[in-house]
Amino acid sequence: MRNAISRLLATGGWSDAELARRTGLDRAHVNQLKNGRALPTVATALAIARALGVSVAVAFPPGSSVRRTRRVHR
């Protein structure tokens, strides 16, 4: 399932690198946010929403969360 950031980037034809450039964020961090492996700070959420031209609620809709990964302990 794609999250809102992933859909917005695809709709705009933007890459992770383009969003990173427009927000001043690291590309790897943008990728983590896009793939649900990290949550943004308020400042980061605002920067991403501004860059994409949408509200924070559109970029990070209520109920969206970090994808949890299971770790295997040996």
PDB file of N, CA and C in Angstrom:
ATOM      1  N   MET A   1       0.839  -1.171   0.000  1.00  0.00           N
ATOM      2  CA  MET A   1       0.000   0.000   0.000  1.00  0.00           C
ATOM      3  C   MET A   1       0.890   1.242   0.000  1.00  0.00           C
ATOM      4  N   ARG A   2       0.588   2.182  -0.875  1.00  0.00           N
ATOM      5  CA  ARG A   2       1.362   3.406  -0.967  1.00  0.00           C
ATOM      6  C   ARG A   2       0.770   4.452  -0.037  1.00  0.00           C
ATOM      7  N   ASN A   3       1.639   5.220   0.628  1.00  0.00           N
ATOM      8  CA  ASN A   3       1.137   6.270   1.492  1.00  0.00           C
ATOM      9  C   ASN A   3       0.934   7.549   0.695  1.00  0.00           C
ATOM     10  N   ALA A   4       0.451   8.587   1.367  1.00  0.00           N
ATOM     11  CA  ALA A   4       0.122   9.841   0.689  1.00  0.00           C
ATOM     12  C   ALA A   4       1.354  10.469   0.041  1.00  0.00           C
ATOM     13  N   ILE A   5       2.491  10.463   0.716  1.00  0.00           N
ATOM     14  CA  ILE A   5       3.701  11.065   0.150  1.00  0.00           C
ATOM     15  C   ILE A   5       4.075  10.348  -1.147  1.00  0.00           C
ATOM     16  N   SER A   6       4.044   9.061  -1.123  1.00  0.00           N
ATOM     17  CA  SER A   6       4.369   8.276  -2.311  1.00  0.00           C
ATOM     18  C   SER A   6       3.426   8.624  -3.462  1.00  0.00           C
ATOM     19  N   ARG A   7       2.124   8.711  -3.170  1.00  0.00           N
ATOM     20  CA  ARG A   7       1.138   9.058  -4.208  1.00  0.00           C
ATOM     21  C   ARG A   7       1.350  10.472  -4.727  1.00  0.00           C
ATOM     22  N   LEU A   8       1.622  11.415  -3.833  1.00  0.00           N
ATOM     23  CA  LEU A   8       1.832  12.807  -4.245  1.00  0.00           C
ATOM     24  C   LEU A   8       3.078  12.942  -5.118  1.00  0.00           C
ATOM     25  N   LEU A   9       4.129  12.233  -4.761  1.00  0.00           N
ATOM     26  CA  LEU A   9       5.335  12.276  -5.586  1.00  0.00           C
ATOM     27  C   LEU A   9       5.059  11.698  -6.970  1.00  0.00           C
ATOM     28  N   ALA A  10       4.359  10.586  -7.017  1.00  0.00           N
ATOM     29  CA  ALA A  10       4.052   9.953  -8.300  1.00  0.00           C
ATOM     30  C   ALA A  10       3.168  10.869  -9.152  1.00  0.00           C
ATOM     31  N   THR A  11       2.176  11.483  -8.535  1.00  0.00           N
ATOM     32  CA  THR A  11       1.275  12.374  -9.255  1.00  0.00           C
ATOM     33  C   THR A  11       2.034  13.562  -9.845  1.00  0.00           C
ATOM     34  N   GLY A  12       2.973  14.108  -9.068  1.00  0.00           N
ATOM     35  CA  GLY A  12       3.742  15.255  -9.533  1.00  0.00           C
ATOM     36  C   GLY A  12       4.924  14.894 -10.407  1.00  0.00           C
ATOM     37  N   GLY A  13       5.199  13.593 -10.537  1.00  0.00           N
ATOM     38  CA  GLY A  13       6.347  13.157 -11.320  1.00  0.00           C
ATOM     39  C   GLY A  13       7.672  13.468 -10.643  1.00  0.00           C
ATOM     40  N   TRP A  14       7.637  13.565  -9.324  1.00  0.00           N
ATOM     41  CA  TRP A  14       8.839  13.882  -8.551  1.00  0.00           C
ATOM     42  C   TRP A  14       9.516  12.612  -8.050  1.00  0.00           C
ATOM     43  N   SER A  15      10.810  12.684  -7.919  1.00  0.00           N
ATOM     44  CA  SER A  15      11.586  11.606  -7.295  1.00  0.00           C
ATOM     45  C   SER A  15      11.815  11.976  -5.830  1.00  0.00           C
ATOM     46  N   ASP A  16      12.319  11.016  -5.086  1.00  0.00           N
ATOM     47  CA  ASP A  16      12.720  11.293  -3.702  1.00  0.00           C
ATOM     48  C   ASP A  16      13.763  12.408  -3.682  1.00  0.00           C
ATOM     49  N   ALA A  17      14.679  12.354  -4.632  1.00  0.00           N
ATOM     50  CA  ALA A  17      15.757  13.351  -4.703  1.00  0.00           C
ATOM     51  C   ALA A  17      15.201  14.753  -4.933  1.00  0.00           C
ATOM     52  N   GLU A  18      14.164  14.877  -5.757  1.00  0.00           N
ATOM     53  CA  GLU A  18      13.566  16.186  -6.015  1.00  0.00           C
ATOM     54  C   GLU A  18      12.908  16.742  -4.761  1.00  0.00           C
ATOM     55  N   LEU A  19      12.161  15.909  -4.041  1.00  0.00           N
ATOM     56  CA  LEU A  19      11.545  16.371  -2.792  1.00  0.00           C
ATOM     57  C   LEU A  19      12.629  16.732  -1.787  1.00  0.00           C
ATOM     58  N   ALA A  20      13.671  15.944  -1.719  1.00  0.00           N
ATOM     59  CA  ALA A  20      14.777  16.245  -0.805  1.00  0.00           C
ATOM     60  C   ALA A  20      15.402  17.601  -1.150  1.00  0.00           C
ATOM     61  N   ARG A  21      15.613  17.850  -2.423  1.00  0.00           N
ATOM     62  CA  ARG A  21      16.199  19.118  -2.862  1.00  0.00           C
ATOM     63  C   ARG A  21      15.298  20.285  -2.484  1.00  0.00           C
ATOM     64  N   ARG A  22      14.002  20.137  -2.684  1.00  0.00           N
ATOM     65  CA  ARG A  22      13.061  21.230  -2.425  1.00  0.00           C
ATOM     66  C   ARG A  22      12.808  21.464  -0.942  1.00  0.00           C
ATOM     67  N   THR A  23      13.112  20.487  -0.116  1.00  0.00           N
ATOM     68  CA  THR A  23      12.877  20.632   1.325  1.00  0.00           C
ATOM     69  C   THR A  23      14.161  20.782   2.133  1.00  0.00           C
ATOM     70  N   GLY A  24      15.296  20.483   1.527  1.00  0.00           N
ATOM     71  CA  GLY A  24      16.550  20.527   2.263  1.00  0.00           C
ATOM     72  C   GLY A  24      16.776  19.300   3.130  1.00  0.00           C
ATOM     73  N   LEU A  25      15.984  18.264   2.910  1.00  0.00           N
ATOM     74  CA  LEU A  25      16.127  17.023   3.666  1.00  0.00           C
ATOM     75  C   LEU A  25      17.066  16.074   2.939  1.00  0.00           C
ATOM     76  N   ASP A  26      17.559  15.105   3.664  1.00  0.00           N
ATOM     77  CA  ASP A  26      18.380  14.056   3.083  1.00  0.00           C
ATOM     78  C   ASP A  26      17.485  13.125   2.262  1.00  0.00           C
ATOM     79  N   ARG A  27      17.936  12.709   1.086  1.00  0.00           N
ATOM     80  CA  ARG A  27      17.147  11.836   0.232  1.00  0.00           C
ATOM     81  C   ARG A  27      16.774  10.533   0.929  1.00  0.00           C
ATOM     82  N   ALA A  28      17.695   9.989   1.701  1.00  0.00           N
ATOM     83  CA  ALA A  28      17.411   8.732   2.404  1.00  0.00           C
ATOM     84  C   ALA A  28      16.281   8.924   3.420  1.00  0.00           C
ATOM     85  N   HIS A  29      16.248  10.080   4.073  1.00  0.00           N
ATOM     86  CA  HIS A  29      15.176  10.352   5.036  1.00  0.00           C
ATOM     87  C   HIS A  29      13.838  10.499   4.313  1.00  0.00           C
ATOM     88  N   VAL A  30      13.842  11.183   3.174  1.00  0.00           N
ATOM     89  CA  VAL A  30      12.622  11.302   2.372  1.00  0.00           C
ATOM     90  C   VAL A  30      12.131   9.904   1.999  1.00  0.00           C
ATOM     91  N   ASN A  31      13.036   9.029   1.605  1.00  0.00           N
ATOM     92  CA  ASN A  31      12.666   7.666   1.249  1.00  0.00           C
ATOM     93  C   ASN A  31      12.056   6.933   2.436  1.00  0.00           C
ATOM     94  N   GLN A  32      12.620   7.115   3.627  1.00  0.00           N
ATOM     95  CA  GLN A  32      12.067   6.474   4.824  1.00  0.00           C
ATOM     96  C   GLN A  32      10.662   6.981   5.114  1.00  0.00           C
ATOM     97  N   LEU A  33      10.449   8.287   4.976  1.00  0.00           N
ATOM     98  CA  LEU A  33       9.117   8.852   5.194  1.00  0.00           C
ATOM     99  C   LEU A  33       8.135   8.330   4.157  1.00  0.00           C
ATOM    100  N   LYS A  34       8.566   8.316   2.916  1.00  0.00           N
ATOM    101  CA  LYS A  34       7.708   7.868   1.819  1.00  0.00           C
ATOM    102  C   LYS A  34       7.299   6.408   1.993  1.00  0.00           C
ATOM    103  N   ASN A  35       8.203   5.606   2.490  1.00  0.00           N
ATOM    104  CA  ASN A  35       7.937   4.171   2.632  1.00  0.00           C
ATOM    105  C   ASN A  35       7.421   3.778   4.007  1.00  0.00           C
ATOM    106  N   GLY A  36       7.102   4.776   4.835  1.00  0.00           N
ATOM    107  CA  GLY A  36       6.490   4.504   6.130  1.00  0.00           C
ATOM    108  C   GLY A  36       7.426   3.915   7.156  1.00  0.00           C
ATOM    109  N   ARG A  37       8.722   4.143   7.009  1.00  0.00           N
ATOM    110  CA  ARG A  37       9.680   3.615   7.981  1.00  0.00           C
ATOM    111  C   ARG A  37      10.082   4.659   9.007  1.00  0.00           C
ATOM    112  N   ALA A  38       9.566   5.888   8.880  1.00  0.00           N
ATOM    113  CA  ALA A  38       9.880   6.962   9.829  1.00  0.00           C
ATOM    114  C   ALA A  38       8.711   7.926   9.888  1.00  0.00           C
ATOM    115  N   LEU A  39       8.597   8.616  11.002  1.00  0.00           N
ATOM    116  CA  LEU A  39       7.617   9.682  11.158  1.00  0.00           C
ATOM    117  C   LEU A  39       8.337  11.016  11.095  1.00  0.00           C
ATOM    118  N   PRO A  40       7.724  12.028  10.496  1.00  0.00           N
ATOM    119  CA  PRO A  40       8.381  13.328  10.407  1.00  0.00           C
ATOM    120  C   PRO A  40       8.214  14.134  11.687  1.00  0.00           C
ATOM    121  N   THR A  41       9.135  15.052  11.912  1.00  0.00           N
ATOM    122  CA  THR A  41       8.919  16.061  12.950  1.00  0.00           C
ATOM    123  C   THR A  41       7.876  17.030  12.403  1.00  0.00           C
ATOM    124  N   VAL A  42       7.384  17.912  13.254  1.00  0.00           N
ATOM    125  CA  VAL A  42       6.424  18.913  12.792  1.00  0.00           C
ATOM    126  C   VAL A  42       7.057  19.777  11.712  1.00  0.00           C
ATOM    127  N   ALA A  43       8.294  20.205  11.918  1.00  0.00           N
ATOM    128  CA  ALA A  43       8.983  21.050  10.936  1.00  0.00           C
ATOM    129  C   ALA A  43       9.148  20.324   9.603  1.00  0.00           C
ATOM    130  N   THR A  44       9.475  19.050   9.652  1.00  0.00           N
ATOM    131  CA  THR A  44       9.641  18.268   8.425  1.00  0.00           C
ATOM    132  C   THR A  44       8.304  18.087   7.715  1.00  0.00           C
ATOM    133  N   ALA A  45       7.249  17.798   8.467  1.00  0.00           N
ATOM    134  CA  ALA A  45       5.920  17.647   7.868  1.00  0.00           C
ATOM    135  C   ALA A  45       5.488  18.936   7.190  1.00  0.00           C
ATOM    136  N   LEU A  46       5.741  20.069   7.836  1.00  0.00           N
ATOM    137  CA  LEU A  46       5.393  21.360   7.238  1.00  0.00           C
ATOM    138  C   LEU A  46       6.198  21.620   5.969  1.00  0.00           C
ATOM    139  N   ALA A  47       7.491  21.318   5.992  1.00  0.00           N
ATOM    140  CA  ALA A  47       8.354  21.538   4.833  1.00  0.00           C
ATOM    141  C   ALA A  47       7.908  20.675   3.657  1.00  0.00           C
ATOM    142  N   ILE A  48       7.569  19.430   3.917  1.00  0.00           N
ATOM    143  CA  ILE A  48       7.126  18.527   2.851  1.00  0.00           C
ATOM    144  C   ILE A  48       5.789  18.989   2.277  1.00  0.00           C
ATOM    145  N   ALA A  49       4.852  19.322   3.152  1.00  0.00           N
ATOM    146  CA  ALA A  49       3.550  19.783   2.682  1.00  0.00           C
ATOM    147  C   ALA A  49       3.699  21.051   1.846  1.00  0.00           C
ATOM    148  N   ARG A  50       4.517  21.985   2.319  1.00  0.00           N
ATOM    149  CA  ARG A  50       4.753  23.226   1.565  1.00  0.00           C
ATOM    150  C   ARG A  50       5.337  22.935   0.192  1.00  0.00           C
ATOM    151  N   ALA A  51       6.349  22.081   0.155  1.00  0.00           N
ATOM    152  CA  ALA A  51       7.004  21.751  -1.111  1.00  0.00           C
ATOM    153  C   ALA A  51       6.036  21.102  -2.091  1.00  0.00           C
ATOM    154  N   LEU A  52       5.143  20.270  -1.580  1.00  0.00           N
ATOM    155  CA  LEU A  52       4.189  19.564  -2.433  1.00  0.00           C
ATOM    156  C   LEU A  52       2.950  20.399  -2.744  1.00  0.00           C
ATOM    157  N   GLY A  53       2.807  21.538  -2.057  1.00  0.00           N
ATOM    158  CA  GLY A  53       1.662  22.407  -2.306  1.00  0.00           C
ATOM    159  C   GLY A  53       0.358  21.870  -1.767  1.00  0.00           C
ATOM    160  N   VAL A  54       0.440  21.127  -0.662  1.00  0.00           N
ATOM    161  CA  VAL A  54      -0.755  20.562  -0.041  1.00  0.00           C
ATOM    162  C   VAL A  54      -0.719  20.857   1.453  1.00  0.00           C
ATOM    163  N   SER A  55      -1.807  20.593   2.133  1.00  0.00           N
ATOM    164  CA  SER A  55      -1.832  20.759   3.582  1.00  0.00           C
ATOM    165  C   SER A  55      -1.124  19.569   4.244  1.00  0.00           C
ATOM    166  N   VAL A  56      -0.756  19.767   5.493  1.00  0.00           N
ATOM    167  CA  VAL A  56      -0.138  18.675   6.252  1.00  0.00           C
ATOM    168  C   VAL A  56      -1.115  17.508   6.360  1.00  0.00           C
ATOM    169  N   ALA A  57      -2.400  17.813   6.496  1.00  0.00           N
ATOM    170  CA  ALA A  57      -3.409  16.751   6.609  1.00  0.00           C
ATOM    171  C   ALA A  57      -3.504  15.908   5.340  1.00  0.00           C
ATOM    172  N   VAL A  58      -3.185  16.493   4.192  1.00  0.00           N
ATOM    173  CA  VAL A  58      -3.187  15.728   2.944  1.00  0.00           C
ATOM    174  C   VAL A  58      -1.905  14.901   2.835  1.00  0.00           C
ATOM    175  N   ALA A  59      -0.774  15.516   3.181  1.00  0.00           N
ATOM    176  CA  ALA A  59       0.505  14.807   3.087  1.00  0.00           C
ATOM    177  C   ALA A  59       0.626  13.702   4.135  1.00  0.00           C
ATOM    178  N   PHE A  60       0.074  13.961   5.320  1.00  0.00           N
ATOM    179  CA  PHE A  60       0.140  13.004   6.426  1.00  0.00           C
ATOM    180  C   PHE A  60      -1.263  12.867   7.019  1.00  0.00           C
ATOM    181  N   PRO A  61      -2.137  12.132   6.331  1.00  0.00           N
ATOM    182  CA  PRO A  61      -3.536  12.042   6.772  1.00  0.00           C
ATOM    183  C   PRO A  61      -3.669  11.413   8.155  1.00  0.00           C
ATOM    184  N   PRO A  62      -4.703  11.841   8.884  1.00  0.00           N
ATOM    185  CA  PRO A  62      -4.965  11.228  10.190  1.00  0.00           C
ATOM    186  C   PRO A  62      -5.062   9.710  10.054  1.00  0.00           C
ATOM    187  N   GLY A  63      -4.462   9.026  10.976  1.00  0.00           N
ATOM    188  CA  GLY A  63      -4.484   7.568  10.952  1.00  0.00           C
ATOM    189  C   GLY A  63      -3.318   6.945  10.218  1.00  0.00           C
ATOM    190  N   SER A  64      -2.544   7.774   9.494  1.00  0.00           N
ATOM    191  CA  SER A  64      -1.359   7.206   8.839  1.00  0.00           C
ATOM    192  C   SER A  64      -0.305   6.985   9.911  1.00  0.00           C
ATOM    193  N   SER A  65       0.489   5.990   9.728  1.00  0.00           N
ATOM    194  CA  SER A  65       1.480   5.671  10.749  1.00  0.00           C
ATOM    195  C   SER A  65       2.699   5.031  10.118  1.00  0.00           C
ATOM    196  N   VAL A  66       3.656   4.785  10.968  1.00  0.00           N
ATOM    197  CA  VAL A  66       4.880   4.118  10.525  1.00  0.00           C
ATOM    198  C   VAL A  66       4.591   2.640  10.355  1.00  0.00           C
ATOM    199  N   ARG A  67       5.074   2.096   9.263  1.00  0.00           N
ATOM    200  CA  ARG A  67       4.956   0.658   9.042  1.00  0.00           C
ATOM    201  C   ARG A  67       5.886  -0.035  10.021  1.00  0.00           C
ATOM    202  N   ARG A  68       5.356  -0.935  10.753  1.00  0.00           N
ATOM    203  CA  ARG A  68       6.167  -1.650  11.732  1.00  0.00           C
ATOM    204  C   ARG A  68       6.821  -2.858  11.061  1.00  0.00           C
ATOM    205  N   THR A  69       8.081  -3.028  11.347  1.00  0.00           N
ATOM    206  CA  THR A  69       8.774  -4.197  10.810  1.00  0.00           C
ATOM    207  C   THR A  69       9.076  -5.134  11.962  1.00  0.00           C
ATOM    208  N   ARG A  70       8.932  -6.395  11.705  1.00  0.00           N
ATOM    209  CA  ARG A  70       9.229  -7.386  12.743  1.00  0.00           C
ATOM    210  C   ARG A  70      10.701  -7.694  12.718  1.00  0.00           C
ATOM    211  N   ARG A  71      11.268  -7.727  13.867  1.00  0.00           N
ATOM    212  CA  ARG A  71      12.664  -8.106  13.974  1.00  0.00           C
ATOM    213  C   ARG A  71      12.752  -9.491  14.582  1.00  0.00           C
ATOM    214  N   VAL A  72      13.587 -10.266  13.997  1.00  0.00           N
ATOM    215  CA  VAL A  72      13.776 -11.623  14.487  1.00  0.00           C
ATOM    216  C   VAL A  72      14.946 -11.614  15.451  1.00  0.00           C
ATOM    217  N   HIS A  73      14.697 -12.062  16.658  1.00  0.00           N
ATOM    218  CA  HIS A  73      15.757 -12.138  17.653  1.00  0.00           C
ATOM    219  C   HIS A  73      16.274 -13.565  17.702  1.00  0.00           C
ATOM    220  N   ARG A  74      17.550 -13.682  17.620  1.00  0.00           N
ATOM    221  CA  ARG A  74      18.145 -15.035  17.652  1.00  0.00           C
ATOM    222  C   ARG A  74      18.880 -15.256  18.925  1.00  0.00           C
TER     223      ARG A  74
END
